[in-house]
Amino acid sequence: MDLAAQTFNRMASSEASMDHGTVRLTCGVLLGVEVLLDLLRPFHAELKLELSTSDALEDIAKLQSDIAIILS
């Protein structure tokens, strides 16, 4: 548990460089298409973003995403 807390603290601080890899983002269709596409375009070149859109809550729960945005 202590190791997990230390890892979290390091990653949450500026000690860790998180400027490469893949981030999977899941959200509703309207939010993804109308809002997030334009906001996510200027992201760091080394960061790959996978955007998955669905309006069904069941689909969002089944997908393995790093971030899920649900508007209710």
Protein backbone atom coordinates (compact mmCIF):
# COMPACT_ATOMS: atom_id res chain seq x y z
CA MET A 1 0.00 0.00 0.00
CA ASP A 2 2.83 2.38 0.83
CA LEU A 3 4.44 1.73 -2.55
CA ALA A 4 1.16 2.47 -4.33
CA ALA A 5 0.80 5.75 -2.44
CA GLN A 6 4.38 6.76 -3.28
CA THR A 7 3.84 5.91 -6.95
CA PHE A 8 0.63 7.92 -7.04
CA ASN A 9 2.28 10.92 -5.42
CA ARG A 10 5.22 10.79 -7.84
CA MET A 11 2.97 10.52 -10.87
CA ALA A 12 0.68 13.29 -9.65
CA SER A 13 3.62 15.62 -9.11
CA SER A 14 5.96 17.10 -11.67
CA GLU A 15 8.57 14.40 -10.94
CA ALA A 16 7.06 12.09 -13.55
CA SER A 17 7.01 12.90 -17.25
CA MET A 18 3.70 11.82 -18.77
CA ASP A 19 4.27 13.19 -22.26
CA HIS A 20 4.11 9.94 -24.22
CA GLY A 21 1.92 6.87 -24.51
CA THR A 22 -1.77 6.31 -25.11
CA VAL A 23 -4.75 7.75 -23.25
CA ARG A 24 -8.15 6.15 -23.88
CA LEU A 25 -11.07 8.57 -23.45
CA THR A 26 -14.73 7.53 -23.53
CA CYS A 27 -17.64 9.95 -23.68
CA GLY A 28 -21.03 10.57 -25.26
CA VAL A 29 -21.27 11.13 -29.00
CA LEU A 30 -22.31 14.80 -28.86
CA LEU A 31 -19.58 15.74 -26.40
CA GLY A 32 -16.94 13.80 -28.30
CA VAL A 33 -17.79 15.06 -31.77
CA GLU A 34 -18.87 18.63 -31.05
CA VAL A 35 -16.55 19.59 -28.18
CA LEU A 36 -13.63 17.30 -27.46
CA LEU A 37 -12.31 16.78 -30.99
CA ASP A 38 -11.33 20.43 -31.29
CA LEU A 39 -10.02 20.61 -27.72
CA LEU A 40 -7.85 17.49 -28.03
CA ARG A 41 -6.20 18.27 -31.39
CA PRO A 42 -3.34 20.41 -30.04
CA PHE A 43 -2.17 17.73 -27.58
CA HIS A 44 1.50 16.82 -27.31
CA ALA A 45 2.80 15.03 -30.41
CA GLU A 46 4.08 12.04 -28.41
CA LEU A 47 0.69 11.47 -26.74
CA LYS A 48 -1.74 9.24 -28.61
CA LEU A 49 -5.41 9.86 -27.78
CA GLU A 50 -8.03 7.22 -28.48
CA LEU A 51 -11.52 8.72 -28.39
CA SER A 52 -14.44 6.30 -28.11
CA THR A 53 -17.96 7.72 -28.28
CA SER A 54 -21.20 6.08 -27.21
CA ASP A 55 -24.46 7.29 -25.72
CA ALA A 56 -25.22 3.94 -24.07
CA LEU A 57 -24.12 3.76 -20.44
CA GLU A 58 -23.60 0.01 -20.75
CA ASP A 59 -21.06 0.56 -23.55
CA ILE A 60 -19.13 3.12 -21.52
CA ALA A 61 -18.94 0.75 -18.56
CA LYS A 62 -17.66 -2.13 -20.71
CA LEU A 63 -14.93 -0.19 -22.48
CA GLN A 64 -11.50 -0.12 -20.95
CA SER A 65 -10.78 3.59 -20.82
CA ASP A 66 -8.39 5.67 -18.81
CA ILE A 67 -10.93 8.50 -18.65
CA ALA A 68 -14.74 8.32 -18.97
CA ILE A 69 -16.87 11.45 -19.15
CA ILE A 70 -20.57 11.00 -18.49
CA LEU A 71 -22.97 13.94 -18.63
CA SER A 72 -26.30 13.47 -16.92
